[in-house]
Amino acid sequence: MVKSAKDMKENVRVAMRGGDGQVICKDFLDKGEYDGNARLFSTLTLEPGCSIGKHVHENEEEIFYVLQGVATYDDDGTVVKMYPGDSCVCRNGQSHSIANREAEGTLTVVAVILTL
């Protein structure tokens, strides 16, 4: 199966998980287009000052892969910077948040949520 970019759904989430500003979510696969145990395959785009608020993952884990920009990532209480090519995982029962705290530049990450 090949899915064209023009067929991918994009939506804007304001104050996502209690975060600041908005996040543009572009789902590159939808449920029913794959057989595995996942609930999200998306790119997330955050402009400067935007964030996804801190939240816990229960019975799932989320993987981020930075494509563009610099992320400020809260990894279950430890705040780190992430750069293009960096990845992380928020495991079952852990918390995380991600933000674009840079004065300039767009942050784009691939997000995958796997259900357990």
C-alpha atoms as a PDB file:
ATOM      1  CA  MET A   1       0.000   0.000   0.000  1.00  0.00           C
ATOM      2  CA  VAL A   2       1.188   3.509  -0.825  1.00  0.00           C
ATOM      3  CA  LYS A   3      -0.537   6.580   0.568  1.00  0.00           C
ATOM      4  CA  SER A   4      -0.125   9.904  -1.188  1.00  0.00           C
ATOM      5  CA  ALA A   5       0.616  13.003   0.904  1.00  0.00           C
ATOM      6  CA  LYS A   6      -2.504  14.657  -0.514  1.00  0.00           C
ATOM      7  CA  ASP A   7      -4.622  11.887   1.070  1.00  0.00           C
ATOM      8  CA  MET A   8      -3.244  12.369   4.586  1.00  0.00           C
ATOM      9  CA  LYS A   9      -5.503  14.052   7.143  1.00  0.00           C
ATOM     10  CA  GLU A  10      -4.208  17.136   8.890  1.00  0.00           C
ATOM     11  CA  ASN A  11      -5.790  18.759  11.921  1.00  0.00           C
ATOM     12  CA  VAL A  12      -4.900  21.576  14.289  1.00  0.00           C
ATOM     13  CA  ARG A  13      -5.007  20.860  18.017  1.00  0.00           C
ATOM     14  CA  VAL A  14      -5.159  23.924  20.262  1.00  0.00           C
ATOM     15  CA  ALA A  15      -3.704  23.615  23.792  1.00  0.00           C
ATOM     16  CA  MET A  16      -2.908  19.935  23.145  1.00  0.00           C
ATOM     17  CA  ARG A  17      -2.761  18.065  26.464  1.00  0.00           C
ATOM     18  CA  GLY A  18      -2.825  21.460  28.214  1.00  0.00           C
ATOM     19  CA  GLY A  19       0.122  22.808  26.229  1.00  0.00           C
ATOM     20  CA  ASP A  20       0.656  26.246  24.715  1.00  0.00           C
ATOM     21  CA  GLY A  21      -0.436  27.376  21.263  1.00  0.00           C
ATOM     22  CA  GLN A  22      -1.295  24.837  18.629  1.00  0.00           C
ATOM     23  CA  VAL A  23       0.068  21.637  17.131  1.00  0.00           C
ATOM     24  CA  ILE A  24      -0.486  20.653  13.514  1.00  0.00           C
ATOM     25  CA  CYS A  25      -0.993  16.883  13.374  1.00  0.00           C
ATOM     26  CA  LYS A  26      -0.684  15.121  10.027  1.00  0.00           C
ATOM     27  CA  ASP A  27      -1.648  11.454  10.206  1.00  0.00           C
ATOM     28  CA  PHE A  28       0.367   9.504   7.657  1.00  0.00           C
ATOM     29  CA  LEU A  29      -1.451   6.234   8.413  1.00  0.00           C
ATOM     30  CA  ASP A  30      -4.956   5.721   9.752  1.00  0.00           C
ATOM     31  CA  LYS A  31      -6.393   2.818  11.743  1.00  0.00           C
ATOM     32  CA  GLY A  32      -7.354   0.071   9.285  1.00  0.00           C
ATOM     33  CA  GLU A  33      -4.429   0.834   6.976  1.00  0.00           C
ATOM     34  CA  TYR A  34      -2.086  -1.368   9.051  1.00  0.00           C
ATOM     35  CA  ASP A  35      -2.455  -4.542  11.087  1.00  0.00           C
ATOM     36  CA  GLY A  36      -0.275  -3.795  14.123  1.00  0.00           C
ATOM     37  CA  ASN A  37      -1.200  -2.590  17.596  1.00  0.00           C
ATOM     38  CA  ALA A  38      -0.828   1.148  17.223  1.00  0.00           C
ATOM     39  CA  ARG A  39      -3.124   4.117  17.542  1.00  0.00           C
ATOM     40  CA  LEU A  40      -1.087   6.931  15.978  1.00  0.00           C
ATOM     41  CA  PHE A  41       1.319   7.472  13.091  1.00  0.00           C
ATOM     42  CA  SER A  42       1.687  11.226  12.650  1.00  0.00           C
ATOM     43  CA  THR A  43       3.975  14.185  12.133  1.00  0.00           C
ATOM     44  CA  LEU A  44       3.586  16.938  14.700  1.00  0.00           C
ATOM     45  CA  THR A  45       4.521  20.508  13.813  1.00  0.00           C
ATOM     46  CA  LEU A  46       5.044  23.112  16.533  1.00  0.00           C
ATOM     47  CA  GLU A  47       5.908  26.745  15.873  1.00  0.00           C
ATOM     48  CA  PRO A  48       8.005  28.719  18.407  1.00  0.00           C
ATOM     49  CA  GLY A  49       6.275  28.931  21.793  1.00  0.00           C
ATOM     50  CA  CYS A  50       4.009  25.945  21.164  1.00  0.00           C
ATOM     51  CA  SER A  51       3.978  22.756  23.214  1.00  0.00           C
ATOM     52  CA  ILE A  52       2.198  19.531  24.104  1.00  0.00           C
ATOM     53  CA  GLY A  53       1.519  19.488  27.844  1.00  0.00           C
ATOM     54  CA  LYS A  54       2.860  16.893  30.238  1.00  0.00           C
ATOM     55  CA  HIS A  55       0.831  13.683  30.290  1.00  0.00           C
ATOM     56  CA  VAL A  56       1.136  10.010  31.246  1.00  0.00           C
ATOM     57  CA  HIS A  57       0.853   7.090  28.831  1.00  0.00           C
ATOM     58  CA  GLU A  58      -1.111   4.135  30.198  1.00  0.00           C
ATOM     59  CA  ASN A  59      -1.150   0.797  28.341  1.00  0.00           C
ATOM     60  CA  GLU A  60       0.789   2.343  25.476  1.00  0.00           C
ATOM     61  CA  GLU A  61       4.101   3.956  24.645  1.00  0.00           C
ATOM     62  CA  GLU A  62       4.951   6.909  22.425  1.00  0.00           C
ATOM     63  CA  ILE A  63       8.025   7.334  20.265  1.00  0.00           C
ATOM     64  CA  PHE A  64       9.226  10.708  18.939  1.00  0.00           C
ATOM     65  CA  TYR A  65      11.801  11.198  16.184  1.00  0.00           C
ATOM     66  CA  VAL A  66      12.930  14.778  15.538  1.00  0.00           C
ATOM     67  CA  LEU A  67      12.922  15.740  11.858  1.00  0.00           C
ATOM     68  CA  GLN A  68      13.475  19.496  12.129  1.00  0.00           C
ATOM     69  CA  GLY A  69      14.157  22.090  14.817  1.00  0.00           C
ATOM     70  CA  VAL A  70      15.089  21.821  18.484  1.00  0.00           C
ATOM     71  CA  ALA A  71      12.762  20.198  21.003  1.00  0.00           C
ATOM     72  CA  THR A  72      12.675  20.792  24.728  1.00  0.00           C
ATOM     73  CA  TYR A  73      11.586  17.384  25.973  1.00  0.00           C
ATOM     74  CA  ASP A  74      10.476  16.458  29.491  1.00  0.00           C
ATOM     75  CA  ASP A  75      11.420  12.791  29.833  1.00  0.00           C
ATOM     76  CA  ASP A  76       9.477  11.678  32.940  1.00  0.00           C
ATOM     77  CA  GLY A  77      10.833  14.643  34.917  1.00  0.00           C
ATOM     78  CA  THR A  78      14.222  15.109  33.229  1.00  0.00           C
ATOM     79  CA  VAL A  79      14.297  17.997  30.739  1.00  0.00           C
ATOM     80  CA  VAL A  80      16.623  17.606  27.748  1.00  0.00           C
ATOM     81  CA  LYS A  81      17.141  19.172  24.313  1.00  0.00           C
ATOM     82  CA  MET A  82      16.565  17.012  21.251  1.00  0.00           C
ATOM     83  CA  TYR A  83      17.905  17.730  17.772  1.00  0.00           C
ATOM     84  CA  PRO A  84      17.203  16.399  14.261  1.00  0.00           C
ATOM     85  CA  GLY A  85      17.921  12.678  14.188  1.00  0.00           C
ATOM     86  CA  ASP A  86      17.316  12.229  17.949  1.00  0.00           C
ATOM     87  CA  SER A  87      14.600   9.892  19.205  1.00  0.00           C
ATOM     88  CA  CYS A  88      12.969   9.051  22.519  1.00  0.00           C
ATOM     89  CA  VAL A  89      10.337   6.758  23.940  1.00  0.00           C
ATOM     90  CA  CYS A  90       7.810   7.409  26.691  1.00  0.00           C
ATOM     91  CA  ARG A  91       7.104   3.972  28.089  1.00  0.00           C
ATOM     92  CA  ASN A  92       3.990   2.632  29.742  1.00  0.00           C
ATOM     93  CA  GLY A  93       3.282   4.507  32.996  1.00  0.00           C
ATOM     94  CA  GLN A  94       5.771   7.299  32.268  1.00  0.00           C
ATOM     95  CA  SER A  95       5.064  10.961  31.547  1.00  0.00           C
ATOM     96  CA  HIS A  96       6.417  13.390  28.987  1.00  0.00           C
ATOM     97  CA  SER A  97       5.920  16.694  27.222  1.00  0.00           C
ATOM     98  CA  ILE A  98       7.521  18.367  24.238  1.00  0.00           C
ATOM     99  CA  ALA A  99       7.910  22.035  23.342  1.00  0.00           C
ATOM    100  CA  ASN A 100       9.412  24.372  20.788  1.00  0.00           C
ATOM    101  CA  ARG A 101      11.075  26.905  23.110  1.00  0.00           C
ATOM    102  CA  GLU A 102      13.339  28.329  20.402  1.00  0.00           C
ATOM    103  CA  ALA A 103      12.887  31.959  19.312  1.00  0.00           C
ATOM    104  CA  GLU A 104      12.881  30.941  15.652  1.00  0.00           C
ATOM    105  CA  GLY A 105      12.290  27.818  13.612  1.00  0.00           C
ATOM    106  CA  THR A 106       9.651  25.152  13.311  1.00  0.00           C
ATOM    107  CA  LEU A 107       9.843  21.889  15.275  1.00  0.00           C
ATOM    108  CA  THR A 108       8.652  18.800  13.397  1.00  0.00           C
ATOM    109  CA  VAL A 109       8.632  15.329  14.928  1.00  0.00           C
ATOM    110  CA  VAL A 110       7.352  11.927  13.883  1.00  0.00           C
ATOM    111  CA  ALA A 111       5.091  10.485  16.588  1.00  0.00           C
ATOM    112  CA  VAL A 112       4.115   6.826  16.876  1.00  0.00           C
ATOM    113  CA  ILE A 113       1.903   5.495  19.675  1.00  0.00           C
ATOM    114  CA  LEU A 114       1.997   1.736  20.193  1.00  0.00           C
ATOM    115  CA  THR A 115      -0.678   0.076  22.291  1.00  0.00           C
ATOM    116  CA  LEU A 116       0.253  -2.720  24.682  1.00  0.00           C
END
